[in-house]
Amino acid sequence: MRGDRVEIVVDTGNGVQTYVIAATKAGRRVDVSTSRGIVEVSEVTRTGQPIRTGRFMAARVIALVEHPAEEPSGRRPRVVRNQASLL
């Protein structure tokens, strides 16, 4: 979803470095996968085509923080009260 982002904090030996990968357009999402000592973070389209990808050694990753998109301030979730059963 647009606005989702992932922060990756990596140990560089002399300190730490922070990388941010975000879903920049509507319909895109951020996927995180871990396999064989590699953490991969990708911005992906609806069809599954990767746009941007970051690969990091799992041993060097200090933190991986996922930030979901914020709801627009004017929109509130729809709450239905006293709705009759459809069954």
C-alpha atoms as a PDB file:
ATOM      1  CA  MET A   1       0.000   0.000   0.000  1.00  0.00           C
ATOM      2  CA  ARG A   2       1.274   3.465  -0.790  1.00  0.00           C
ATOM      3  CA  GLY A   3       2.984   4.943   2.245  1.00  0.00           C
ATOM      4  CA  ASP A   4       4.228   1.644   3.677  1.00  0.00           C
ATOM      5  CA  ARG A   5       7.935   1.741   4.407  1.00  0.00           C
ATOM      6  CA  VAL A   6      10.637  -0.413   5.927  1.00  0.00           C
ATOM      7  CA  GLU A   7      13.701   0.898   7.768  1.00  0.00           C
ATOM      8  CA  ILE A   8      16.781  -1.316   7.852  1.00  0.00           C
ATOM      9  CA  VAL A   9      19.623  -0.518  10.265  1.00  0.00           C
ATOM     10  CA  VAL A  10      22.894  -2.188   9.237  1.00  0.00           C
ATOM     11  CA  ASP A  11      26.225  -2.462  11.084  1.00  0.00           C
ATOM     12  CA  THR A  12      28.961  -1.116   8.786  1.00  0.00           C
ATOM     13  CA  GLY A  13      31.921  -1.828  11.052  1.00  0.00           C
ATOM     14  CA  ASN A  14      32.522   1.861  11.840  1.00  0.00           C
ATOM     15  CA  GLY A  15      28.977   2.513  13.002  1.00  0.00           C
ATOM     16  CA  VAL A  16      25.508   1.981  11.627  1.00  0.00           C
ATOM     17  CA  GLN A  17      23.746   3.033   8.451  1.00  0.00           C
ATOM     18  CA  THR A  18      20.002   3.296   7.938  1.00  0.00           C
ATOM     19  CA  TYR A  19      18.258   2.435   4.667  1.00  0.00           C
ATOM     20  CA  VAL A  20      14.587   3.135   3.902  1.00  0.00           C
ATOM     21  CA  ILE A  21      12.563   1.382   1.214  1.00  0.00           C
ATOM     22  CA  ALA A  22       9.029   2.703   0.713  1.00  0.00           C
ATOM     23  CA  ALA A  23       6.000   2.015  -1.466  1.00  0.00           C
ATOM     24  CA  THR A  24       5.998   5.263  -3.461  1.00  0.00           C
ATOM     25  CA  LYS A  25       2.914   4.869  -5.680  1.00  0.00           C
ATOM     26  CA  ALA A  26      -0.615   3.564  -5.256  1.00  0.00           C
ATOM     27  CA  GLY A  27      -0.866  -0.209  -5.659  1.00  0.00           C
ATOM     28  CA  ARG A  28       2.696  -0.902  -4.613  1.00  0.00           C
ATOM     29  CA  ARG A  29       3.762  -2.730  -1.480  1.00  0.00           C
ATOM     30  CA  VAL A  30       6.954  -3.557   0.390  1.00  0.00           C
ATOM     31  CA  ASP A  31       7.924  -7.231   0.785  1.00  0.00           C
ATOM     32  CA  VAL A  32      10.495  -8.560   3.251  1.00  0.00           C
ATOM     33  CA  SER A  33      12.037 -12.009   2.872  1.00  0.00           C
ATOM     34  CA  THR A  34      14.835 -13.817   4.664  1.00  0.00           C
ATOM     35  CA  SER A  35      16.696 -16.837   3.308  1.00  0.00           C
ATOM     36  CA  ARG A  36      20.192 -18.285   3.543  1.00  0.00           C
ATOM     37  CA  GLY A  37      21.589 -15.438   5.607  1.00  0.00           C
ATOM     38  CA  ILE A  38      20.268 -12.691   3.327  1.00  0.00           C
ATOM     39  CA  VAL A  39      17.500 -10.204   4.152  1.00  0.00           C
ATOM     40  CA  GLU A  40      15.822  -8.854   1.015  1.00  0.00           C
ATOM     41  CA  VAL A  41      13.465  -5.861   1.056  1.00  0.00           C
ATOM     42  CA  SER A  42      11.642  -5.032  -2.197  1.00  0.00           C
ATOM     43  CA  GLU A  43       9.132  -2.500  -3.445  1.00  0.00           C
ATOM     44  CA  VAL A  44       6.752  -4.568  -5.588  1.00  0.00           C
ATOM     45  CA  THR A  45       3.945  -3.676  -8.037  1.00  0.00           C
ATOM     46  CA  ARG A  46       0.488  -5.278  -8.059  1.00  0.00           C
ATOM     47  CA  THR A  47       1.693  -7.828 -10.604  1.00  0.00           C
ATOM     48  CA  GLY A  48       4.678  -8.818  -8.464  1.00  0.00           C
ATOM     49  CA  GLN A  49       7.383  -7.075 -10.484  1.00  0.00           C
ATOM     50  CA  PRO A  50      10.113  -5.699  -8.194  1.00  0.00           C
ATOM     51  CA  ILE A  51      10.872  -1.989  -8.609  1.00  0.00           C
ATOM     52  CA  ARG A  52      13.616  -1.480  -6.011  1.00  0.00           C
ATOM     53  CA  THR A  53      15.390  -4.131  -3.986  1.00  0.00           C
ATOM     54  CA  GLY A  54      17.852  -3.996  -1.116  1.00  0.00           C
ATOM     55  CA  ARG A  55      19.824  -7.073  -0.035  1.00  0.00           C
ATOM     56  CA  PHE A  56      21.626  -7.192   3.293  1.00  0.00           C
ATOM     57  CA  MET A  57      23.617  -9.838   5.156  1.00  0.00           C
ATOM     58  CA  ALA A  58      21.421 -11.039   8.033  1.00  0.00           C
ATOM     59  CA  ALA A  59      24.420 -11.081  10.387  1.00  0.00           C
ATOM     60  CA  ARG A  60      24.895  -7.317   9.800  1.00  0.00           C
ATOM     61  CA  VAL A  61      21.223  -6.301  10.197  1.00  0.00           C
ATOM     62  CA  ILE A  62      20.689  -4.721  13.607  1.00  0.00           C
ATOM     63  CA  ALA A  63      17.032  -3.745  13.200  1.00  0.00           C
ATOM     64  CA  LEU A  64      14.302  -4.054  10.606  1.00  0.00           C
ATOM     65  CA  VAL A  65      11.285  -1.848  11.323  1.00  0.00           C
ATOM     66  CA  GLU A  66       8.089  -1.959   9.263  1.00  0.00           C
ATOM     67  CA  HIS A  67       5.974   1.211   9.237  1.00  0.00           C
ATOM     68  CA  PRO A  68       2.422   0.772   7.885  1.00  0.00           C
ATOM     69  CA  ALA A  69       0.805   3.623   5.962  1.00  0.00           C
ATOM     70  CA  GLU A  70      -1.035   6.130   8.098  1.00  0.00           C
ATOM     71  CA  GLU A  71      -4.751   6.669   7.656  1.00  0.00           C
ATOM     72  CA  PRO A  72      -5.614  10.105   6.232  1.00  0.00           C
ATOM     73  CA  SER A  73      -6.770  12.352   9.077  1.00  0.00           C
ATOM     74  CA  GLY A  74     -10.206  12.983   7.536  1.00  0.00           C
ATOM     75  CA  ARG A  75     -11.063   9.305   7.056  1.00  0.00           C
ATOM     76  CA  ARG A  76     -12.329   7.071   9.816  1.00  0.00           C
ATOM     77  CA  PRO A  77     -13.120   3.373   9.628  1.00  0.00           C
ATOM     78  CA  ARG A  78     -16.746   2.649   8.884  1.00  0.00           C
ATOM     79  CA  VAL A  79     -18.607   1.229  11.865  1.00  0.00           C
ATOM     80  CA  VAL A  80     -21.997  -0.397  11.331  1.00  0.00           C
ATOM     81  CA  ARG A  81     -24.181  -0.719  14.413  1.00  0.00           C
ATOM     82  CA  ASN A  82     -27.398  -2.652  14.865  1.00  0.00           C
ATOM     83  CA  GLN A  83     -27.075  -4.344  11.489  1.00  0.00           C
ATOM     84  CA  ALA A  84     -29.516  -7.179  10.916  1.00  0.00           C
ATOM     85  CA  SER A  85     -28.049 -10.590  10.224  1.00  0.00           C
ATOM     86  CA  LEU A  86     -27.829 -11.600   6.571  1.00  0.00           C
ATOM     87  CA  LEU A  87     -28.525 -15.258   7.381  1.00  0.00           C
END
